[in-house]
């Protein structure tokens, strides 16, 4: 049983490292870091978000969100309206489109078919739910 534990934790760790490596390569193209690309992704997905919305979707604290919003505003990738709702600028929309296209290309390289992908995410979610219940 311990071999399974070691395999599982080692594989999850390796997958995470590979994702971070690829994310770093891709975000460098836009002069961003991975966490900033997450802001662009969610704004592209939802079209507009409040500060509180960012905290919720990113599961992050106010200082982290505030810091990254400032950077993205300084880079002219996001803007805010009178109601303190953030939106992507045209430059931000372009990065969103390019990065989501690239993400889709990468995902297509690692999955054989849609059924395999659906099963993978179903199993991963189930594992996460079970791990979350332990110790509660």
N, C-alpha and C. Protein backbone atom coordinates (compact mmCIF):
# COMPACT_ATOMS: atom_id res chain seq x y z
N UNK A 1 0.82 -1.20 0.00
CA UNK A 1 0.00 0.00 0.00
C UNK A 1 0.87 1.26 0.00
N UNK A 2 2.00 1.23 0.71
CA UNK A 2 2.87 2.40 0.74
C UNK A 2 3.45 2.70 -0.63
N UNK A 3 3.69 1.66 -1.44
CA UNK A 3 4.17 1.90 -2.79
C UNK A 3 3.17 2.73 -3.58
N UNK A 4 1.90 2.45 -3.42
CA UNK A 4 0.86 3.22 -4.09
C UNK A 4 0.87 4.67 -3.62
N UNK A 5 1.05 4.86 -2.32
CA UNK A 5 1.12 6.21 -1.77
C UNK A 5 2.30 6.97 -2.39
N UNK A 6 3.46 6.30 -2.43
CA UNK A 6 4.64 6.93 -3.00
C UNK A 6 4.44 7.25 -4.48
N UNK A 7 3.86 6.31 -5.22
CA UNK A 7 3.60 6.53 -6.65
C UNK A 7 2.65 7.71 -6.84
N UNK A 8 1.59 7.72 -6.06
CA UNK A 8 0.58 8.77 -6.18
C UNK A 8 1.18 10.15 -5.88
N UNK A 9 1.85 10.27 -4.74
CA UNK A 9 2.40 11.58 -4.37
C UNK A 9 3.52 12.00 -5.31
N UNK A 10 4.33 11.06 -5.74
CA UNK A 10 5.42 11.38 -6.67
C UNK A 10 4.85 11.84 -8.01
N UNK A 11 3.85 11.14 -8.52
CA UNK A 11 3.26 11.52 -9.80
C UNK A 11 2.56 12.88 -9.72
N UNK A 12 1.82 13.11 -8.67
CA UNK A 12 1.15 14.41 -8.50
C UNK A 12 2.19 15.52 -8.45
N UNK A 13 3.26 15.30 -7.72
CA UNK A 13 4.33 16.29 -7.62
C UNK A 13 4.98 16.54 -8.98
N UNK A 14 5.27 15.47 -9.73
CA UNK A 14 5.87 15.62 -11.05
C UNK A 14 4.94 16.35 -12.01
N UNK A 15 3.67 16.01 -11.97
CA UNK A 15 2.69 16.69 -12.83
C UNK A 15 2.66 18.17 -12.50
N UNK A 16 2.62 18.49 -11.22
CA UNK A 16 2.59 19.89 -10.80
C UNK A 16 3.84 20.63 -11.28
N UNK A 17 5.00 20.02 -11.13
CA UNK A 17 6.25 20.65 -11.58
C UNK A 17 6.24 20.88 -13.09
N UNK A 18 5.74 19.90 -13.84
CA UNK A 18 5.66 20.07 -15.29
C UNK A 18 4.68 21.18 -15.69
N UNK A 19 3.56 21.23 -15.01
CA UNK A 19 2.59 22.29 -15.28
C UNK A 19 3.21 23.65 -14.98
N UNK A 20 3.90 23.77 -13.86
CA UNK A 20 4.53 25.05 -13.50
C UNK A 20 5.62 25.44 -14.50
N UNK A 21 6.38 24.46 -14.97
CA UNK A 21 7.43 24.71 -15.96
C UNK A 21 6.83 25.23 -17.27
N UNK A 22 5.78 24.55 -17.74
CA UNK A 22 5.12 24.96 -18.98
C UNK A 22 4.47 26.32 -18.81
N UNK A 23 3.82 26.51 -17.68
CA UNK A 23 3.16 27.79 -17.40
C UNK A 23 4.17 28.94 -17.40
N UNK A 24 5.33 28.71 -16.81
CA UNK A 24 6.38 29.72 -16.78
C UNK A 24 6.84 30.06 -18.20
N UNK A 25 7.07 29.03 -19.01
CA UNK A 25 7.48 29.25 -20.41
C UNK A 25 6.43 30.07 -21.16
N UNK A 26 5.18 29.71 -20.98
CA UNK A 26 4.10 30.37 -21.72
C UNK A 26 3.87 31.80 -21.23
N UNK A 27 3.90 32.01 -19.93
CA UNK A 27 3.61 33.35 -19.40
C UNK A 27 4.74 34.33 -19.69
N UNK A 28 5.96 33.83 -19.82
CA UNK A 28 7.08 34.70 -20.17
C UNK A 28 6.85 35.40 -21.51
N UNK A 29 6.14 34.72 -22.40
CA UNK A 29 5.84 35.30 -23.72
C UNK A 29 5.07 36.61 -23.60
N UNK A 30 4.30 36.72 -22.52
CA UNK A 30 3.44 37.90 -22.32
C UNK A 30 3.99 38.86 -21.26
N UNK A 31 5.16 38.55 -20.73
CA UNK A 31 5.74 39.39 -19.68
C UNK A 31 4.98 39.27 -18.37
N UNK A 32 4.41 38.11 -18.12
CA UNK A 32 3.60 37.88 -16.92
C UNK A 32 4.16 36.70 -16.14
N UNK A 33 3.59 36.50 -14.95
CA UNK A 33 3.83 35.28 -14.18
C UNK A 33 2.50 34.53 -14.13
N UNK A 34 2.58 33.27 -13.75
CA UNK A 34 1.41 32.40 -13.79
C UNK A 34 0.19 32.93 -13.06
N UNK A 35 0.38 33.49 -11.89
CA UNK A 35 -0.77 33.97 -11.12
C UNK A 35 -1.46 35.12 -11.86
N UNK A 36 -0.70 35.95 -12.55
CA UNK A 36 -1.30 37.05 -13.30
C UNK A 36 -2.11 36.54 -14.49
N UNK A 37 -1.63 35.46 -15.10
CA UNK A 37 -2.38 34.88 -16.20
C UNK A 37 -3.71 34.31 -15.70
N UNK A 38 -3.74 33.85 -14.45
CA UNK A 38 -5.00 33.37 -13.88
C UNK A 38 -6.02 34.50 -13.81
N UNK A 39 -5.59 35.70 -13.46
CA UNK A 39 -6.49 36.86 -13.44
C UNK A 39 -7.07 37.09 -14.83
N UNK A 40 -6.21 37.06 -15.84
CA UNK A 40 -6.66 37.28 -17.22
C UNK A 40 -7.61 36.18 -17.65
N UNK A 41 -7.29 34.95 -17.27
CA UNK A 41 -8.17 33.83 -17.62
C UNK A 41 -9.58 34.04 -17.07
N UNK A 42 -9.68 34.35 -15.77
CA UNK A 42 -11.00 34.49 -15.16
C UNK A 42 -11.75 35.71 -15.69
N UNK A 43 -11.04 36.78 -15.99
CA UNK A 43 -11.72 37.93 -16.59
C UNK A 43 -12.19 37.60 -18.00
N UNK A 44 -11.39 36.85 -18.73
CA UNK A 44 -11.81 36.43 -20.06
C UNK A 44 -13.01 35.50 -20.00
N UNK A 45 -13.04 34.66 -19.01
CA UNK A 45 -14.14 33.70 -18.86
C UNK A 45 -15.43 34.38 -18.41
N UNK A 46 -15.34 35.27 -17.42
CA UNK A 46 -16.53 35.89 -16.84
C UNK A 46 -16.79 37.31 -17.35
N UNK A 47 -15.87 37.88 -18.09
CA UNK A 47 -15.98 39.21 -18.72
C UNK A 47 -15.83 40.37 -17.75
N UNK A 48 -16.28 40.23 -16.55
CA UNK A 48 -16.07 41.27 -15.54
C UNK A 48 -16.16 40.66 -14.15
N UNK A 49 -15.29 41.17 -13.27
CA UNK A 49 -15.25 40.68 -11.90
C UNK A 49 -14.98 41.83 -10.95
N UNK A 50 -15.57 41.75 -9.77
CA UNK A 50 -15.26 42.71 -8.72
C UNK A 50 -14.02 42.22 -7.96
N UNK A 51 -13.52 43.04 -7.09
CA UNK A 51 -12.37 42.66 -6.25
C UNK A 51 -12.73 41.41 -5.45
N UNK A 52 -13.90 41.41 -4.86
CA UNK A 52 -14.35 40.27 -4.05
C UNK A 52 -14.47 39.01 -4.91
N UNK A 53 -14.96 39.17 -6.14
CA UNK A 53 -15.06 38.03 -7.05
C UNK A 53 -13.69 37.42 -7.30
N UNK A 54 -12.68 38.29 -7.52
CA UNK A 54 -11.31 37.79 -7.73
C UNK A 54 -10.85 36.97 -6.53
N UNK A 55 -11.07 37.50 -5.34
CA UNK A 55 -10.66 36.77 -4.12
C UNK A 55 -11.30 35.39 -4.09
N UNK A 56 -12.57 35.33 -4.47
CA UNK A 56 -13.30 34.06 -4.43
C UNK A 56 -12.84 33.07 -5.50
N UNK A 57 -12.79 33.51 -6.76
CA UNK A 57 -12.45 32.55 -7.83
C UNK A 57 -10.99 32.10 -7.76
N UNK A 58 -10.13 32.98 -7.25
CA UNK A 58 -8.71 32.63 -7.12
C UNK A 58 -8.38 32.00 -5.78
N UNK A 59 -9.36 32.03 -4.87
CA UNK A 59 -9.16 31.50 -3.52
C UNK A 59 -7.91 32.14 -2.89
N UNK A 60 -7.86 33.47 -2.99
CA UNK A 60 -6.68 34.22 -2.55
C UNK A 60 -7.06 35.36 -1.62
N UNK A 61 -6.06 35.81 -0.85
CA UNK A 61 -6.31 36.90 0.08
C UNK A 61 -6.28 38.26 -0.63
N UNK A 62 -6.75 39.28 0.09
CA UNK A 62 -6.90 40.62 -0.48
C UNK A 62 -5.57 41.22 -0.92
N UNK A 63 -4.51 40.99 -0.16
CA UNK A 63 -3.20 41.56 -0.50
C UNK A 63 -2.70 41.00 -1.83
N UNK A 64 -2.83 39.70 -2.02
CA UNK A 64 -2.41 39.05 -3.27
C UNK A 64 -3.20 39.61 -4.45
N UNK A 65 -4.50 39.71 -4.29
CA UNK A 65 -5.36 40.21 -5.37
C UNK A 65 -5.03 41.67 -5.67
N UNK A 66 -4.91 42.46 -4.65
CA UNK A 66 -4.60 43.88 -4.82
C UNK A 66 -3.28 44.09 -5.56
N UNK A 67 -2.26 43.37 -5.16
CA UNK A 67 -0.93 43.46 -5.77
C UNK A 67 -0.98 43.13 -7.26
N UNK A 68 -1.66 42.05 -7.59
CA UNK A 68 -1.71 41.62 -8.98
C UNK A 68 -2.61 42.51 -9.84
N UNK A 69 -3.68 43.01 -9.27
CA UNK A 69 -4.53 43.95 -10.01
C UNK A 69 -3.72 45.19 -10.38
N UNK A 70 -2.95 45.69 -9.45
CA UNK A 70 -2.13 46.88 -9.73
C UNK A 70 -1.16 46.61 -10.88
N UNK A 71 -0.49 45.47 -10.84
CA UNK A 71 0.47 45.12 -11.90
C UNK A 71 -0.24 45.04 -13.25
N UNK A 72 -1.38 44.38 -13.28
CA UNK A 72 -2.10 44.20 -14.54
C UNK A 72 -2.67 45.53 -15.06
N UNK A 73 -3.07 46.40 -14.14
CA UNK A 73 -3.52 47.74 -14.57
C UNK A 73 -2.35 48.55 -15.12
N UNK A 74 -1.20 48.47 -14.45
CA UNK A 74 0.00 49.17 -14.92
C UNK A 74 0.44 48.68 -16.30
N UNK A 75 0.21 47.41 -16.58
CA UNK A 75 0.57 46.84 -17.88
C UNK A 75 -0.53 47.07 -18.91
N UNK A 76 -1.59 47.75 -18.49
CA UNK A 76 -2.72 48.07 -19.38
C UNK A 76 -3.42 46.81 -19.91
N UNK A 77 -3.51 45.80 -19.06
CA UNK A 77 -4.17 44.55 -19.43
C UNK A 77 -5.59 44.47 -18.88
N UNK A 78 -5.83 45.19 -17.78
CA UNK A 78 -7.18 45.26 -17.21
C UNK A 78 -7.50 46.72 -16.89
N UNK A 79 -8.78 46.96 -16.79
CA UNK A 79 -9.26 48.30 -16.44
C UNK A 79 -10.44 48.13 -15.49
N UNK A 80 -10.82 49.20 -14.86
CA UNK A 80 -11.96 49.15 -13.95
C UNK A 80 -12.94 50.26 -14.30
N UNK A 81 -14.22 50.02 -14.04
CA UNK A 81 -15.22 51.04 -14.31
C UNK A 81 -15.62 51.75 -13.01
N UNK A 82 -16.61 52.62 -13.09
CA UNK A 82 -17.04 53.40 -11.93
C UNK A 82 -17.58 52.53 -10.79
N UNK A 83 -18.03 51.33 -11.12
CA UNK A 83 -18.59 50.43 -10.11
C UNK A 83 -17.54 49.48 -9.54
N UNK A 84 -16.27 49.77 -9.77
CA UNK A 84 -15.15 48.96 -9.29
C UNK A 84 -15.24 47.52 -9.81
N UNK A 85 -15.65 47.41 -11.07
CA UNK A 85 -15.70 46.11 -11.73
C UNK A 85 -14.58 46.09 -12.77
N UNK A 86 -13.80 45.02 -12.75
CA UNK A 86 -12.65 44.91 -13.63
C UNK A 86 -13.01 44.20 -14.93
N UNK A 87 -12.37 44.65 -16.02
CA UNK A 87 -12.55 44.06 -17.33
C UNK A 87 -11.21 44.01 -18.04
N UNK A 88 -11.11 43.15 -19.04
CA UNK A 88 -9.90 43.09 -19.84
C UNK A 88 -9.87 44.24 -20.84
N UNK A 89 -8.69 44.78 -21.08
CA UNK A 89 -8.51 45.73 -22.17
C UNK A 89 -8.36 44.90 -23.45
N UNK A 90 -8.26 45.56 -24.60
CA UNK A 90 -8.09 44.83 -25.85
C UNK A 90 -6.79 44.01 -25.82
N UNK A 91 -5.76 44.57 -25.22
CA UNK A 91 -4.49 43.85 -25.07
C UNK A 91 -4.68 42.63 -24.16
N UNK A 92 -5.45 42.77 -23.10
CA UNK A 92 -5.75 41.65 -22.21
C UNK A 92 -6.57 40.58 -22.90
N UNK A 93 -7.53 40.99 -23.73
CA UNK A 93 -8.35 40.04 -24.48
C UNK A 93 -7.47 39.23 -25.43
N UNK A 94 -6.52 39.89 -26.07
CA UNK A 94 -5.61 39.20 -26.99
C UNK A 94 -4.79 38.15 -26.25
N UNK A 95 -4.27 38.49 -25.09
CA UNK A 95 -3.51 37.51 -24.29
C UNK A 95 -4.41 36.37 -23.86
N UNK A 96 -5.64 36.68 -23.45
CA UNK A 96 -6.59 35.63 -23.07
C UNK A 96 -6.81 34.66 -24.22
N UNK A 97 -7.04 35.18 -25.42
CA UNK A 97 -7.30 34.32 -26.58
C UNK A 97 -6.08 33.46 -26.91
N UNK A 98 -4.90 34.06 -26.93
CA UNK A 98 -3.68 33.32 -27.25
C UNK A 98 -3.39 32.25 -26.20
N UNK A 99 -3.55 32.61 -24.94
CA UNK A 99 -3.22 31.65 -23.87
C UNK A 99 -4.23 30.51 -23.79
N UNK A 100 -5.51 30.80 -24.03
CA UNK A 100 -6.50 29.72 -23.99
C UNK A 100 -6.33 28.80 -25.20
N UNK A 101 -5.95 29.38 -26.34
CA UNK A 101 -5.67 28.55 -27.52
C UNK A 101 -4.49 27.63 -27.23
N UNK A 102 -3.44 28.16 -26.63
CA UNK A 102 -2.26 27.36 -26.31
C UNK A 102 -2.58 26.29 -25.26
N UNK A 103 -3.39 26.64 -24.28
CA UNK A 103 -3.80 25.67 -23.26
C UNK A 103 -4.56 24.52 -23.90
N UNK A 104 -5.43 24.85 -24.82
CA UNK A 104 -6.20 23.81 -25.52
C UNK A 104 -5.27 22.91 -26.33
N UNK A 105 -4.28 23.50 -27.00
CA UNK A 105 -3.31 22.72 -27.77
C UNK A 105 -2.56 21.75 -26.86
N UNK A 106 -2.13 22.24 -25.71
CA UNK A 106 -1.39 21.38 -24.77
C UNK A 106 -2.28 20.27 -24.25
N UNK A 107 -3.51 20.61 -23.89
CA UNK A 107 -4.44 19.58 -23.39
C UNK A 107 -4.70 18.53 -24.45
N UNK A 108 -4.81 18.95 -25.70
CA UNK A 108 -5.03 17.99 -26.77
C UNK A 108 -3.85 17.05 -26.96
N UNK A 109 -2.66 17.51 -26.59
CA UNK A 109 -1.46 16.66 -26.70
C UNK A 109 -1.42 15.58 -25.63
N UNK A 110 -2.05 15.85 -24.48
CA UNK A 110 -1.89 14.90 -23.36
C UNK A 110 -3.08 13.96 -23.17
N UNK A 111 -4.18 14.19 -23.87
CA UNK A 111 -5.33 13.30 -23.76
C UNK A 111 -5.53 12.55 -25.07
N UNK A 112 -5.94 11.30 -24.95
CA UNK A 112 -6.23 10.51 -26.14
C UNK A 112 -7.59 10.91 -26.71
N UNK A 113 -8.58 11.04 -25.85
CA UNK A 113 -9.91 11.42 -26.32
C UNK A 113 -10.70 12.10 -25.20
N UNK A 114 -11.88 12.58 -25.53
CA UNK A 114 -12.72 13.30 -24.57
C UNK A 114 -13.17 12.42 -23.41
N UNK A 115 -13.45 11.17 -23.68
CA UNK A 115 -13.89 10.26 -22.62
C UNK A 115 -12.77 10.09 -21.59
N UNK A 116 -11.54 9.92 -22.09
CA UNK A 116 -10.40 9.79 -21.18
C UNK A 116 -10.25 11.05 -20.33
N UNK A 117 -10.38 12.20 -20.94
CA UNK A 117 -10.26 13.47 -20.22
C UNK A 117 -11.36 13.60 -19.17
N UNK A 118 -12.59 13.28 -19.55
CA UNK A 118 -13.70 13.36 -18.61
C UNK A 118 -13.49 12.42 -17.42
N UNK A 119 -13.04 11.21 -17.69
CA UNK A 119 -12.78 10.25 -16.61
C UNK A 119 -11.66 10.72 -15.71
N UNK A 120 -10.62 11.29 -16.29
CA UNK A 120 -9.50 11.79 -15.51
C UNK A 120 -9.97 12.86 -14.52
N UNK A 121 -10.72 13.84 -15.01
CA UNK A 121 -11.18 14.92 -14.13
C UNK A 121 -12.19 14.41 -13.10
N UNK A 122 -13.02 13.46 -13.49
CA UNK A 122 -13.96 12.87 -12.55
C UNK A 122 -13.20 12.19 -11.41
N UNK A 123 -12.20 11.40 -11.75
CA UNK A 123 -11.40 10.70 -10.74
C UNK A 123 -10.60 11.68 -9.88
N UNK A 124 -10.02 12.68 -10.49
CA UNK A 124 -9.25 13.66 -9.75
C UNK A 124 -10.14 14.41 -8.76
N UNK A 125 -11.32 14.79 -9.18
CA UNK A 125 -12.26 15.46 -8.28
C UNK A 125 -12.68 14.55 -7.13
N UNK A 126 -12.91 13.29 -7.43
CA UNK A 126 -13.29 12.33 -6.40
C UNK A 126 -12.16 12.17 -5.37
N UNK A 127 -10.93 12.07 -5.84
CA UNK A 127 -9.79 11.98 -4.94
C UNK A 127 -9.71 13.22 -4.06
N UNK A 128 -9.87 14.38 -4.66
CA UNK A 128 -9.82 15.63 -3.90
C UNK A 128 -10.92 15.68 -2.84
N UNK A 129 -12.12 15.31 -3.21
CA UNK A 129 -13.23 15.32 -2.24
C UNK A 129 -12.96 14.38 -1.07
N UNK A 130 -12.45 13.22 -1.36
CA UNK A 130 -12.15 12.25 -0.29
C UNK A 130 -11.03 12.76 0.61
N UNK A 131 -10.00 13.34 0.02
CA UNK A 131 -8.89 13.87 0.83
C UNK A 131 -9.36 15.05 1.67
N UNK A 132 -10.27 15.85 1.14
CA UNK A 132 -10.80 17.00 1.88
C UNK A 132 -11.55 16.55 3.12
N UNK A 133 -12.23 15.41 3.04
CA UNK A 133 -13.03 14.92 4.18
C UNK A 133 -12.16 14.36 5.30
N UNK A 134 -10.95 13.96 4.98
CA UNK A 134 -10.07 13.37 6.00
C UNK A 134 -9.60 14.47 6.95
N UNK A 135 -9.79 14.23 8.21
CA UNK A 135 -9.35 15.18 9.23
C UNK A 135 -10.36 16.24 9.58
N UNK A 136 -11.50 16.23 8.89
CA UNK A 136 -12.55 17.21 9.23
C UNK A 136 -13.38 16.75 10.38
